[in-house]
Amino acid sequence: MECEEHGRTARQFLAASDEEFAAGDHLQASEKLWGAASHAVMAAAVLRDWPCRTHRELKNAVERLTEERADAEFAAGFYAAENFHRNFYHDEMEPYQIEIDRPRVHRFVDRVLATLAPDD
């Protein structure tokens, strides 16, 4: 996939996660939030020619973004997304955790995709 495709996919997964949460399917919504975050990171990594095929490479790309931008919120946002990835498998997040971390992942995706802008 190209950078632009990953970015579009991230946005599509964000919208789909909102629909799944509204429908009460927290497991599918959780996985779509993770998908949105991972595709946003892949978009940034592809643009920068960083490896991004494994979970470890995604984490490394986020660490590089954190350093590049001197902003620890990138790492915090990715950590929140990982919580939703785990939640898909274990259904372990409490409602208050979902309410806290959901907007955090949305902001993370927005901020990562903002790094793709040519004037950035």
PDB file of N, CA and C in Angstrom:
ATOM      1  N   MET A   1       0.834  -1.190   0.000  1.00  0.00           N
ATOM      2  CA  MET A   1       0.000   0.000   0.000  1.00  0.00           C
ATOM      3  C   MET A   1       0.875   1.248   0.000  1.00  0.00           C
ATOM      4  N   GLU A   2       0.374   2.249  -0.636  1.00  0.00           N
ATOM      5  CA  GLU A   2       1.055   3.545  -0.656  1.00  0.00           C
ATOM      6  C   GLU A   2       0.651   4.359   0.571  1.00  0.00           C
ATOM      7  N   CYS A   3       1.399   5.405   0.822  1.00  0.00           N
ATOM      8  CA  CYS A   3       1.154   6.297   1.949  1.00  0.00           C
ATOM      9  C   CYS A   3      -0.296   6.785   1.969  1.00  0.00           C
ATOM     10  N   GLU A   4      -0.779   7.259   0.838  1.00  0.00           N
ATOM     11  CA  GLU A   4      -2.134   7.820   0.766  1.00  0.00           C
ATOM     12  C   GLU A   4      -3.193   6.769   1.083  1.00  0.00           C
ATOM     13  N   GLU A   5      -2.971   5.540   0.603  1.00  0.00           N
ATOM     14  CA  GLU A   5      -3.927   4.463   0.871  1.00  0.00           C
ATOM     15  C   GLU A   5      -3.993   4.147   2.357  1.00  0.00           C
ATOM     16  N   HIS A   6      -2.829   4.103   2.999  1.00  0.00           N
ATOM     17  CA  HIS A   6      -2.810   3.860   4.445  1.00  0.00           C
ATOM     18  C   HIS A   6      -3.550   4.976   5.178  1.00  0.00           C
ATOM     19  N   GLY A   7      -3.355   6.204   4.754  1.00  0.00           N
ATOM     20  CA  GLY A   7      -4.046   7.330   5.378  1.00  0.00           C
ATOM     21  C   GLY A   7      -5.556   7.230   5.222  1.00  0.00           C
ATOM     22  N   ARG A   8      -6.012   6.896   4.019  1.00  0.00           N
ATOM     23  CA  ARG A   8      -7.456   6.729   3.779  1.00  0.00           C
ATOM     24  C   ARG A   8      -8.018   5.582   4.619  1.00  0.00           C
ATOM     25  N   THR A   9      -7.269   4.496   4.671  1.00  0.00           N
ATOM     26  CA  THR A   9      -7.711   3.339   5.450  1.00  0.00           C
ATOM     27  C   THR A   9      -7.815   3.697   6.928  1.00  0.00           C
ATOM     28  N   ALA A  10      -6.858   4.462   7.425  1.00  0.00           N
ATOM     29  CA  ALA A  10      -6.908   4.894   8.828  1.00  0.00           C
ATOM     30  C   ALA A  10      -8.188   5.676   9.096  1.00  0.00           C
ATOM     31  N   ARG A  11      -8.521   6.606   8.212  1.00  0.00           N
ATOM     32  CA  ARG A  11      -9.748   7.412   8.375  1.00  0.00           C
ATOM     33  C   ARG A  11     -11.002   6.531   8.294  1.00  0.00           C
ATOM     34  N   GLN A  12     -10.997   5.578   7.375  1.00  0.00           N
ATOM     35  CA  GLN A  12     -12.149   4.680   7.238  1.00  0.00           C
ATOM     36  C   GLN A  12     -12.337   3.838   8.498  1.00  0.00           C
ATOM     37  N   PHE A  13     -11.231   3.335   9.047  1.00  0.00           N
ATOM     38  CA  PHE A  13     -11.326   2.542  10.271  1.00  0.00           C
ATOM     39  C   PHE A  13     -11.787   3.385  11.456  1.00  0.00           C
ATOM     40  N   LEU A  14     -11.363   4.647  11.523  1.00  0.00           N
ATOM     41  CA  LEU A  14     -11.845   5.521  12.601  1.00  0.00           C
ATOM     42  C   LEU A  14     -13.360   5.660  12.530  1.00  0.00           C
ATOM     43  N   ALA A  15     -13.865   5.941  11.351  1.00  0.00           N
ATOM     44  CA  ALA A  15     -15.315   6.093  11.184  1.00  0.00           C
ATOM     45  C   ALA A  15     -16.037   4.786  11.507  1.00  0.00           C
ATOM     46  N   ALA A  16     -15.487   3.676  11.045  1.00  0.00           N
ATOM     47  CA  ALA A  16     -16.105   2.376  11.309  1.00  0.00           C
ATOM     48  C   ALA A  16     -16.099   2.057  12.801  1.00  0.00           C
ATOM     49  N   SER A  17     -15.039   2.433  13.499  1.00  0.00           N
ATOM     50  CA  SER A  17     -14.996   2.168  14.944  1.00  0.00           C
ATOM     51  C   SER A  17     -16.091   2.944  15.660  1.00  0.00           C
ATOM     52  N   ASP A  18     -16.316   4.182  15.253  1.00  0.00           N
ATOM     53  CA  ASP A  18     -17.392   4.968  15.863  1.00  0.00           C
ATOM     54  C   ASP A  18     -18.745   4.299  15.638  1.00  0.00           C
ATOM     55  N   GLU A  19     -18.956   3.772  14.435  1.00  0.00           N
ATOM     56  CA  GLU A  19     -20.211   3.077  14.133  1.00  0.00           C
ATOM     57  C   GLU A  19     -20.360   1.816  14.977  1.00  0.00           C
ATOM     58  N   GLU A  20     -19.271   1.080  15.133  1.00  0.00           N
ATOM     59  CA  GLU A  20     -19.313  -0.153  15.935  1.00  0.00           C
ATOM     60  C   GLU A  20     -19.565   0.160  17.408  1.00  0.00           C
ATOM     61  N   PHE A  21     -18.919   1.201  17.932  1.00  0.00           N
ATOM     62  CA  PHE A  21     -19.189   1.581  19.322  1.00  0.00           C
ATOM     63  C   PHE A  21     -20.651   1.979  19.479  1.00  0.00           C
ATOM     64  N   ALA A  22     -21.185   2.749  18.541  1.00  0.00           N
ATOM     65  CA  ALA A  22     -22.587   3.180  18.604  1.00  0.00           C
ATOM     66  C   ALA A  22     -23.537   1.982  18.564  1.00  0.00           C
ATOM     67  N   ALA A  23     -23.142   0.937  17.842  1.00  0.00           N
ATOM     68  CA  ALA A  23     -23.962  -0.271  17.745  1.00  0.00           C
ATOM     69  C   ALA A  23     -23.775  -1.195  18.947  1.00  0.00           C
ATOM     70  N   GLY A  24     -22.817  -0.868  19.828  1.00  0.00           N
ATOM     71  CA  GLY A  24     -22.585  -1.677  21.018  1.00  0.00           C
ATOM     72  C   GLY A  24     -21.600  -2.808  20.839  1.00  0.00           C
ATOM     73  N   ASP A  25     -20.936  -2.883  19.696  1.00  0.00           N
ATOM     74  CA  ASP A  25     -19.956  -3.948  19.460  1.00  0.00           C
ATOM     75  C   ASP A  25     -18.561  -3.430  19.804  1.00  0.00           C
ATOM     76  N   HIS A  26     -18.232  -3.515  21.078  1.00  0.00           N
ATOM     77  CA  HIS A  26     -16.959  -2.971  21.551  1.00  0.00           C
ATOM     78  C   HIS A  26     -15.752  -3.748  21.039  1.00  0.00           C
ATOM     79  N   LEU A  27     -15.934  -5.035  20.778  1.00  0.00           N
ATOM     80  CA  LEU A  27     -14.793  -5.817  20.288  1.00  0.00           C
ATOM     81  C   LEU A  27     -14.402  -5.396  18.878  1.00  0.00           C
ATOM     82  N   GLN A  28     -15.375  -5.340  17.969  1.00  0.00           N
ATOM     83  CA  GLN A  28     -15.060  -4.908  16.602  1.00  0.00           C
ATOM     84  C   GLN A  28     -14.605  -3.453  16.579  1.00  0.00           C
ATOM     85  N   ALA A  29     -15.231  -2.626  17.399  1.00  0.00           N
ATOM     86  CA  ALA A  29     -14.834  -1.217  17.468  1.00  0.00           C
ATOM     87  C   ALA A  29     -13.399  -1.090  17.948  1.00  0.00           C
ATOM     88  N   SER A  30     -13.025  -1.917  18.914  1.00  0.00           N
ATOM     89  CA  SER A  30     -11.662  -1.885  19.445  1.00  0.00           C
ATOM     90  C   SER A  30     -10.651  -2.246  18.371  1.00  0.00           C
ATOM     91  N   GLU A  31     -10.959  -3.296  17.619  1.00  0.00           N
ATOM     92  CA  GLU A  31     -10.015  -3.712  16.577  1.00  0.00           C
ATOM     93  C   GLU A  31      -9.916  -2.669  15.470  1.00  0.00           C
ATOM     94  N   LYS A  32     -11.006  -2.009  15.173  1.00  0.00           N
ATOM     95  CA  LYS A  32     -10.955  -0.968  14.138  1.00  0.00           C
ATOM     96  C   LYS A  32     -10.178   0.256  14.614  1.00  0.00           C
ATOM     97  N   LEU A  33     -10.251   0.568  15.904  1.00  0.00           N
ATOM     98  CA  LEU A  33      -9.414   1.661  16.420  1.00  0.00           C
ATOM     99  C   LEU A  33      -7.941   1.301  16.287  1.00  0.00           C
ATOM    100  N   TRP A  34      -7.612   0.061  16.634  1.00  0.00           N
ATOM    101  CA  TRP A  34      -6.231  -0.387  16.458  1.00  0.00           C
ATOM    102  C   TRP A  34      -5.835  -0.310  14.980  1.00  0.00           C
ATOM    103  N   GLY A  35      -6.710  -0.739  14.106  1.00  0.00           N
ATOM    104  CA  GLY A  35      -6.426  -0.681  12.675  1.00  0.00           C
ATOM    105  C   GLY A  35      -6.196   0.738  12.197  1.00  0.00           C
ATOM    106  N   ALA A  36      -6.994   1.671  12.694  1.00  0.00           N
ATOM    107  CA  ALA A  36      -6.821   3.080  12.320  1.00  0.00           C
ATOM    108  C   ALA A  36      -5.452   3.580  12.746  1.00  0.00           C
ATOM    109  N   ALA A  37      -5.078   3.275  13.976  1.00  0.00           N
ATOM    110  CA  ALA A  37      -3.783   3.737  14.483  1.00  0.00           C
ATOM    111  C   ALA A  37      -2.632   3.098  13.717  1.00  0.00           C
ATOM    112  N   SER A  38      -2.718   1.799  13.480  1.00  0.00           N
ATOM    113  CA  SER A  38      -1.609   1.127  12.798  1.00  0.00           C
ATOM    114  C   SER A  38      -1.480   1.598  11.351  1.00  0.00           C
ATOM    115  N   HIS A  39      -2.589   1.832  10.669  1.00  0.00           N
ATOM    116  CA  HIS A  39      -2.500   2.331   9.290  1.00  0.00           C
ATOM    117  C   HIS A  39      -1.981   3.767   9.250  1.00  0.00           C
ATOM    118  N   ALA A  40      -2.313   4.566  10.233  1.00  0.00           N
ATOM    119  CA  ALA A  40      -1.752   5.924  10.287  1.00  0.00           C
ATOM    120  C   ALA A  40      -0.236   5.856  10.441  1.00  0.00           C
ATOM    121  N   VAL A  41       0.231   4.982  11.326  1.00  0.00           N
ATOM    122  CA  VAL A  41       1.678   4.825  11.516  1.00  0.00           C
ATOM    123  C   VAL A  41       2.318   4.296  10.240  1.00  0.00           C
ATOM    124  N   MET A  42       1.671   3.340   9.581  1.00  0.00           N
ATOM    125  CA  MET A  42       2.214   2.820   8.324  1.00  0.00           C
ATOM    126  C   MET A  42       2.323   3.924   7.280  1.00  0.00           C
ATOM    127  N   ALA A  43       1.340   4.808   7.220  1.00  0.00           N
ATOM    128  CA  ALA A  43       1.401   5.924   6.267  1.00  0.00           C
ATOM    129  C   ALA A  43       2.628   6.781   6.535  1.00  0.00           C
ATOM    130  N   ALA A  44       2.848   7.115   7.803  1.00  0.00           N
ATOM    131  CA  ALA A  44       4.010   7.937   8.160  1.00  0.00           C
ATOM    132  C   ALA A  44       5.309   7.192   7.882  1.00  0.00           C
ATOM    133  N   ALA A  45       5.329   5.896   8.170  1.00  0.00           N
ATOM    134  CA  ALA A  45       6.542   5.105   7.959  1.00  0.00           C
ATOM    135  C   ALA A  45       6.864   4.963   6.472  1.00  0.00           C
ATOM    136  N   VAL A  46       5.856   4.684   5.662  1.00  0.00           N
ATOM    137  CA  VAL A  46       6.071   4.543   4.217  1.00  0.00           C
ATOM    138  C   VAL A  46       6.631   5.844   3.649  1.00  0.00           C
ATOM    139  N   LEU A  47       6.071   6.968   4.072  1.00  0.00           N
ATOM    140  CA  LEU A  47       6.539   8.267   3.594  1.00  0.00           C
ATOM    141  C   LEU A  47       8.015   8.480   3.914  1.00  0.00           C
ATOM    142  N   ARG A  48       8.433   7.987   5.079  1.00  0.00           N
ATOM    143  CA  ARG A  48       9.809   8.192   5.546  1.00  0.00           C
ATOM    144  C   ARG A  48      10.733   7.022   5.195  1.00  0.00           C
ATOM    145  N   ASP A  49      10.186   6.025   4.513  1.00  0.00           N
ATOM    146  CA  ASP A  49      10.945   4.830   4.141  1.00  0.00           C
ATOM    147  C   ASP A  49      11.445   4.068   5.370  1.00  0.00           C
ATOM    148  N   TRP A  50      10.600   3.976   6.392  1.00  0.00           N
ATOM    149  CA  TRP A  50      10.886   3.192   7.588  1.00  0.00           C
ATOM    150  C   TRP A  50      10.172   1.851   7.467  1.00  0.00           C
ATOM    151  N   PRO A  51      10.746   0.796   8.023  1.00  0.00           N
ATOM    152  CA  PRO A  51      10.057  -0.499   7.993  1.00  0.00           C
ATOM    153  C   PRO A  51       8.790  -0.450   8.859  1.00  0.00           C
ATOM    154  N   CYS A  52       7.744  -1.181   8.420  1.00  0.00           N
ATOM    155  CA  CYS A  52       6.475  -1.131   9.173  1.00  0.00           C
ATOM    156  C   CYS A  52       5.627  -2.379   8.967  1.00  0.00           C
ATOM    157  N   ARG A  53       6.262  -3.523   8.837  1.00  0.00           N
ATOM    158  CA  ARG A  53       5.511  -4.748   8.545  1.00  0.00           C
ATOM    159  C   ARG A  53       5.119  -5.535   9.796  1.00  0.00           C
ATOM    160  N   THR A  54       5.764  -5.281  10.916  1.00  0.00           N
ATOM    161  CA  THR A  54       5.470  -6.026  12.143  1.00  0.00           C
ATOM    162  C   THR A  54       5.042  -5.059  13.245  1.00  0.00           C
ATOM    163  N   HIS A  55       4.478  -5.638  14.292  1.00  0.00           N
ATOM    164  CA  HIS A  55       4.085  -4.814  15.437  1.00  0.00           C
ATOM    165  C   HIS A  55       5.313  -4.087  16.002  1.00  0.00           C
ATOM    166  N   ARG A  56       6.409  -4.799  16.102  1.00  0.00           N
ATOM    167  CA  ARG A  56       7.650  -4.197  16.621  1.00  0.00           C
ATOM    168  C   ARG A  56       8.082  -3.032  15.735  1.00  0.00           C
ATOM    169  N   GLU A  57       8.018  -3.194  14.435  1.00  0.00           N
ATOM    170  CA  GLU A  57       8.405  -2.103  13.528  1.00  0.00           C
ATOM    171  C   GLU A  57       7.459  -0.914  13.648  1.00  0.00           C
ATOM    172  N   LEU A  58       6.178  -1.171  13.894  1.00  0.00           N
ATOM    173  CA  LEU A  58       5.250  -0.059  14.132  1.00  0.00           C
ATOM    174  C   LEU A  58       5.639   0.694  15.400  1.00  0.00           C
ATOM    175  N   LYS A  59       5.956  -0.056  16.460  1.00  0.00           N
ATOM    176  CA  LYS A  59       6.382   0.590  17.710  1.00  0.00           C
ATOM    177  C   LYS A  59       7.647   1.413  17.488  1.00  0.00           C
ATOM    178  N   ASN A  60       8.574   0.862  16.729  1.00  0.00           N
ATOM    179  CA  ASN A  60       9.811   1.595  16.443  1.00  0.00           C
ATOM    180  C   ASN A  60       9.528   2.854  15.629  1.00  0.00           C
ATOM    181  N   ALA A  61       8.602   2.766  14.691  1.00  0.00           N
ATOM    182  CA  ALA A  61       8.237   3.943  13.896  1.00  0.00           C
ATOM    183  C   ALA A  61       7.625   5.018  14.783  1.00  0.00           C
ATOM    184  N   VAL A  62       6.793   4.614  15.730  1.00  0.00           N
ATOM    185  CA  VAL A  62       6.202   5.588  16.657  1.00  0.00           C
ATOM    186  C   VAL A  62       7.294   6.221  17.512  1.00  0.00           C
ATOM    187  N   GLU A  63       8.245   5.429  17.945  1.00  0.00           N
ATOM    188  CA  GLU A  63       9.364   5.986  18.724  1.00  0.00           C
ATOM    189  C   GLU A  63      10.135   7.006  17.888  1.00  0.00           C
ATOM    190  N   ARG A  64      10.345   6.701  16.629  1.00  0.00           N
ATOM    191  CA  ARG A  64      11.047   7.653  15.754  1.00  0.00           C
ATOM    192  C   ARG A  64      10.230   8.924  15.549  1.00  0.00           C
ATOM    193  N   LEU A  65       8.911   8.783  15.396  1.00  0.00           N
ATOM    194  CA  LEU A  65       8.047   9.964  15.284  1.00  0.00           C
ATOM    195  C   LEU A  65       8.100  10.799  16.558  1.00  0.00           C
ATOM    196  N   THR A  66       8.091  10.110  17.698  1.00  0.00           N
ATOM    197  CA  THR A  66       8.169  10.794  18.993  1.00  0.00           C
ATOM    198  C   THR A  66       9.447  11.617  19.072  1.00  0.00           C
ATOM    199  N   GLU A  67      10.548  11.031  18.647  1.00  0.00           N
ATOM    200  CA  GLU A  67      11.831  11.750  18.652  1.00  0.00           C
ATOM    201  C   GLU A  67      11.843  12.859  17.611  1.00  0.00           C
ATOM    202  N   GLU A  68      11.372  12.572  16.416  1.00  0.00           N
ATOM    203  CA  GLU A  68      11.358  13.552  15.330  1.00  0.00           C
ATOM    204  C   GLU A  68      10.575  14.801  15.726  1.00  0.00           C
ATOM    205  N   ARG A  69       9.448  14.598  16.386  1.00  0.00           N
ATOM    206  CA  ARG A  69       8.561  15.704  16.765  1.00  0.00           C
ATOM    207  C   ARG A  69       8.810  16.208  18.178  1.00  0.00           C
ATOM    208  N   ALA A  70       9.691  15.545  18.905  1.00  0.00           N
ATOM    209  CA  ALA A  70       9.957  15.891  20.312  1.00  0.00           C
ATOM    210  C   ALA A  70       8.639  15.998  21.079  1.00  0.00           C
ATOM    211  N   ASP A  71       7.814  14.963  20.938  1.00  0.00           N
ATOM    212  CA  ASP A  71       6.470  14.997  21.505  1.00  0.00           C
ATOM    213  C   ASP A  71       6.079  13.598  21.989  1.00  0.00           C
ATOM    214  N   ALA A  72       6.060  13.417  23.299  1.00  0.00           N
ATOM    215  CA  ALA A  72       5.751  12.116  23.895  1.00  0.00           C
ATOM    216  C   ALA A  72       4.303  11.693  23.689  1.00  0.00           C
ATOM    217  N   GLU A  73       3.445  12.597  23.244  1.00  0.00           N
ATOM    218  CA  GLU A  73       2.044  12.238  23.010  1.00  0.00           C
ATOM    219  C   GLU A  73       1.891  11.207  21.889  1.00  0.00           C
ATOM    220  N   PHE A  74       2.860  11.150  20.989  1.00  0.00           N
ATOM    221  CA  PHE A  74       2.794  10.115  19.949  1.00  0.00           C
ATOM    222  C   PHE A  74       2.870   8.732  20.595  1.00  0.00           C
ATOM    223  N   ALA A  75       3.822   8.547  21.493  1.00  0.00           N
ATOM    224  CA  ALA A  75       3.964   7.259  22.170  1.00  0.00           C
ATOM    225  C   ALA A  75       2.737   6.954  23.022  1.00  0.00           C
ATOM    226  N   ALA A  76       2.207   7.950  23.716  1.00  0.00           N
ATOM    227  CA  ALA A  76       1.025   7.746  24.564  1.00  0.00           C
ATOM    228  C   ALA A  76      -0.189   7.353  23.728  1.00  0.00           C
ATOM    229  N   GLY A  77      -0.342   7.967  22.579  1.00  0.00           N
ATOM    230  CA  GLY A  77      -1.464   7.635  21.706  1.00  0.00           C
ATOM    231  C   GLY A  77      -1.366   6.218  21.173  1.00  0.00           C
ATOM    232  N   PHE A  78      -0.159   5.808  20.821  1.00  0.00           N
ATOM    233  CA  PHE A  78       0.019   4.449  20.320  1.00  0.00           C
ATOM    234  C   PHE A  78      -0.252   3.431  21.425  1.00  0.00           C
ATOM    235  N   TYR A  79       0.187   3.749  22.638  1.00  0.00           N
ATOM    236  CA  TYR A  79      -0.073   2.861  23.771  1.00  0.00           C
ATOM    237  C   TYR A  79      -1.580   2.687  23.969  1.00  0.00           C
ATOM    238  N   ALA A  80      -2.332   3.778  23.860  1.00  0.00           N
ATOM    239  CA  ALA A  80      -3.792   3.696  23.982  1.00  0.00           C
ATOM    240  C   ALA A  80      -4.365   2.799  22.887  1.00  0.00           C
ATOM    241  N   ALA A  81      -3.843   2.920  21.676  1.00  0.00           N
ATOM    242  CA  ALA A  81      -4.310   2.073  20.574  1.00  0.00           C
ATOM    243  C   ALA A  81      -4.009   0.603  20.851  1.00  0.00           C
ATOM    244  N   GLU A  82      -2.848   0.331  21.426  1.00  0.00           N
ATOM    245  CA  GLU A  82      -2.506  -1.052  21.767  1.00  0.00           C
ATOM    246  C   GLU A  82      -3.483  -1.627  22.791  1.00  0.00           C
ATOM    247  N   ASN A  83      -3.981  -0.786  23.693  1.00  0.00           N
ATOM    248  CA  ASN A  83      -4.988  -1.253  24.649  1.00  0.00           C
ATOM    249  C   ASN A  83      -6.222  -1.775  23.924  1.00  0.00           C
ATOM    250  N   PHE A  84      -6.628  -1.086  22.869  1.00  0.00           N
ATOM    251  CA  PHE A  84      -7.796  -1.539  22.105  1.00  0.00           C
ATOM    252  C   PHE A  84      -7.486  -2.817  21.333  1.00  0.00           C
ATOM    253  N   HIS A  85      -6.266  -2.962  20.875  1.00  0.00           N
ATOM    254  CA  HIS A  85      -5.873  -4.193  20.188  1.00  0.00           C
ATOM    255  C   HIS A  85      -6.005  -5.378  21.149  1.00  0.00           C
ATOM    256  N   ARG A  86      -5.491  -5.213  22.360  1.00  0.00           N
ATOM    257  CA  ARG A  86      -5.629  -6.268  23.373  1.00  0.00           C
ATOM    258  C   ARG A  86      -7.100  -6.502  23.719  1.00  0.00           C
ATOM    259  N   ASN A  87      -7.865  -5.420  23.799  1.00  0.00           N
ATOM    260  CA  ASN A  87      -9.276  -5.544  24.162  1.00  0.00           C
ATOM    261  C   ASN A  87     -10.041  -6.405  23.158  1.00  0.00           C
ATOM    262  N   PHE A  88      -9.664  -6.329  21.898  1.00  0.00           N
ATOM    263  CA  PHE A  88     -10.319  -7.153  20.878  1.00  0.00           C
ATOM    264  C   PHE A  88     -10.216  -8.634  21.236  1.00  0.00           C
ATOM    265  N   TYR A  89      -9.079  -9.041  21.767  1.00  0.00           N
ATOM    266  CA  TYR A  89      -8.859 -10.445  22.098  1.00  0.00           C
ATOM    267  C   TYR A  89      -9.382 -10.833  23.473  1.00  0.00           C
ATOM    268  N   HIS A  90      -9.329  -9.917  24.428  1.00  0.00           N
ATOM    269  CA  HIS A  90      -9.605 -10.281  25.819  1.00  0.00           C
ATOM    270  C   HIS A  90     -10.811  -9.586  26.438  1.00  0.00           C
ATOM    271  N   ASP A  91     -11.388  -8.601  25.755  1.00  0.00           N
ATOM    272  CA  ASP A  91     -12.553  -7.870  26.270  1.00  0.00           C
ATOM    273  C   ASP A  91     -12.334  -7.458  27.727  1.00  0.00           C
ATOM    274  N   GLU A  92     -11.197  -6.796  27.971  1.00  0.00           N
ATOM    275  CA  GLU A  92     -10.806  -6.491  29.345  1.00  0.00           C
ATOM    276  C   GLU A  92     -10.921  -5.015  29.722  1.00  0.00           C
ATOM    277  N   MET A  93     -11.247  -4.148  28.784  1.00  0.00           N
ATOM    278  CA  MET A  93     -11.308  -2.719  29.097  1.00  0.00           C
ATOM    279  C   MET A  93     -12.624  -2.380  29.786  1.00  0.00           C
ATOM    280  N   GLU A  94     -12.506  -1.585  30.828  1.00  0.00           N
ATOM    281  CA  GLU A  94     -13.683  -1.082  31.530  1.00  0.00           C
ATOM    282  C   GLU A  94     -14.266   0.086  30.734  1.00  0.00           C
ATOM    283  N   PRO A  95     -15.552   0.353  30.889  1.00  0.00           N
ATOM    284  CA  PRO A  95     -16.164   1.470  30.154  1.00  0.00           C
ATOM    285  C   PRO A  95     -15.435   2.803  30.349  1.00  0.00           C
ATOM    286  N   TYR A  96     -14.963   3.078  31.560  1.00  0.00           N
ATOM    287  CA  TYR A  96     -14.256   4.343  31.778  1.00  0.00           C
ATOM    288  C   TYR A  96     -12.948   4.386  30.998  1.00  0.00           C
ATOM    289  N   GLN A  97     -12.287   3.234  30.841  1.00  0.00           N
ATOM    290  CA  GLN A  97     -11.047   3.196  30.062  1.00  0.00           C
ATOM    291  C   GLN A  97     -11.329   3.479  28.588  1.00  0.00           C
ATOM    292  N   ILE A  98     -12.412   2.926  28.104  1.00  0.00           N
ATOM    293  CA  ILE A  98     -12.793   3.162  26.712  1.00  0.00           C
ATOM    294  C   ILE A  98     -13.069   4.645  26.501  1.00  0.00           C
ATOM    295  N   GLU A  99     -13.787   5.253  27.423  1.00  0.00           N
ATOM    296  CA  GLU A  99     -14.118   6.680  27.305  1.00  0.00           C
ATOM    297  C   GLU A  99     -12.880   7.567  27.349  1.00  0.00           C
ATOM    298  N   ILE A 100     -11.870   7.160  28.099  1.00  0.00           N
ATOM    299  CA  ILE A 100     -10.624   7.934  28.181  1.00  0.00           C
ATOM    300  C   ILE A 100      -9.760   7.713  26.940  1.00  0.00           C
ATOM    301  N   ASP A 101      -9.602   6.450  26.550  1.00  0.00           N
ATOM    302  CA  ASP A 101      -8.643   6.127  25.488  1.00  0.00           C
ATOM    303  C   ASP A 101      -9.178   6.312  24.072  1.00  0.00           C
ATOM    304  N   ARG A 102     -10.483   6.240  23.892  1.00  0.00           N
ATOM    305  CA  ARG A 102     -11.043   6.394  22.542  1.00  0.00           C
ATOM    306  C   ARG A 102     -10.676   7.732  21.911  1.00  0.00           C
ATOM    307  N   PRO A 103     -10.931   8.858  22.577  1.00  0.00           N
ATOM    308  CA  PRO A 103     -10.538  10.133  21.968  1.00  0.00           C
ATOM    309  C   PRO A 103      -9.026  10.279  21.847  1.00  0.00           C
ATOM    310  N   ARG A 104      -8.292   9.620  22.728  1.00  0.00           N
ATOM    311  CA  ARG A 104      -6.825   9.662  22.656  1.00  0.00           C
ATOM    312  C   ARG A 104      -6.345   9.026  21.352  1.00  0.00           C
ATOM    313  N   VAL A 105      -6.968   7.922  20.958  1.00  0.00           N
ATOM    314  CA  VAL A 105      -6.587   7.265  19.705  1.00  0.00           C
ATOM    315  C   VAL A 105      -7.005   8.126  18.513  1.00  0.00           C
ATOM    316  N   HIS A 106      -8.169   8.725  18.582  1.00  0.00           N
ATOM    317  CA  HIS A 106      -8.596   9.633  17.508  1.00  0.00           C
ATOM    318  C   HIS A 106      -7.571  10.762  17.327  1.00  0.00           C
ATOM    319  N   ARG A 107      -7.161  11.372  18.429  1.00  0.00           N
ATOM    320  CA  ARG A 107      -6.164  12.457  18.346  1.00  0.00           C
ATOM    321  C   ARG A 107      -4.839  11.940  17.792  1.00  0.00           C
ATOM    322  N   PHE A 108      -4.446  10.747  18.231  1.00  0.00           N
ATOM    323  CA  PHE A 108      -3.205  10.147  17.749  1.00  0.00           C
ATOM    324  C   PHE A 108      -3.236   9.995  16.229  1.00  0.00           C
ATOM    325  N   VAL A 109      -4.306   9.426  15.715  1.00  0.00           N
ATOM    326  CA  VAL A 109      -4.427   9.231  14.266  1.00  0.00           C
ATOM    327  C   VAL A 109      -4.371  10.579  13.550  1.00  0.00           C
ATOM    328  N   ASP A 110      -5.122  11.549  14.044  1.00  0.00           N
ATOM    329  CA  ASP A 110      -5.105  12.885  13.431  1.00  0.00           C
ATOM    330  C   ASP A 110      -3.700  13.478  13.422  1.00  0.00           C
ATOM    331  N   ARG A 111      -2.996  13.345  14.540  1.00  0.00           N
ATOM    332  CA  ARG A 111      -1.661  13.941  14.648  1.00  0.00           C
ATOM    333  C   ARG A 111      -0.650  13.223  13.761  1.00  0.00           C
ATOM    334  N   VAL A 112      -0.733  11.910  13.701  1.00  0.00           N
ATOM    335  CA  VAL A 112       0.186  11.168  12.830  1.00  0.00           C
ATOM    336  C   VAL A 112      -0.079  11.538  11.375  1.00  0.00           C
ATOM    337  N   LEU A 113      -1.340  11.559  10.978  1.00  0.00           N
ATOM    338  CA  LEU A 113      -1.657  11.898   9.589  1.00  0.00           C
ATOM    339  C   LEU A 113      -1.273  13.339   9.264  1.00  0.00           C
ATOM    340  N   ALA A 114      -1.297  14.208  10.248  1.00  0.00           N
ATOM    341  CA  ALA A 114      -0.879  15.598  10.021  1.00  0.00           C
ATOM    342  C   ALA A 114       0.605  15.688   9.678  1.00  0.00           C
ATOM    343  N   THR A 115       1.393  14.688  10.086  1.00  0.00           N
ATOM    344  CA  THR A 115       2.828  14.709   9.749  1.00  0.00           C
ATOM    345  C   THR A 115       3.069  14.400   8.279  1.00  0.00           C
ATOM    346  N   LEU A 116       2.028  14.002   7.565  1.00  0.00           N
ATOM    347  CA  LEU A 116       2.167  13.677   6.145  1.00  0.00           C
ATOM    348  C   LEU A 116       2.074  14.908   5.258  1.00  0.00           C
ATOM    349  N   ALA A 117       1.615  16.006   5.825  1.00  0.00           N
ATOM    350  CA  ALA A 117       1.426  17.233   5.041  1.00  0.00           C
ATOM    351  C   ALA A 117       2.755  17.703   4.470  1.00  0.00           C
ATOM    352  N   PRO A 118       2.766  18.129   3.203  1.00  0.00           N
ATOM    353  CA  PRO A 118       4.021  18.534   2.563  1.00  0.00           C
ATOM    354  C   PRO A 118       4.681  19.744   3.215  1.00  0.00           C
ATOM    355  N   ASP A 119       3.899  20.619   3.839  1.00  0.00           N
ATOM    356  CA  ASP A 119       4.492  21.806   4.456  1.00  0.00           C
ATOM    357  C   ASP A 119       4.968  21.546   5.870  1.00  0.00           C
ATOM    358  N   ASP A 120       4.881  20.300   6.328  1.00  0.00           N
ATOM    359  CA  ASP A 120       5.252  19.953   7.686  1.00  0.00           C
ATOM    360  C   ASP A 120       6.731  19.694   7.813  1.00  0.00           C
TER     361      ASP A 120
END
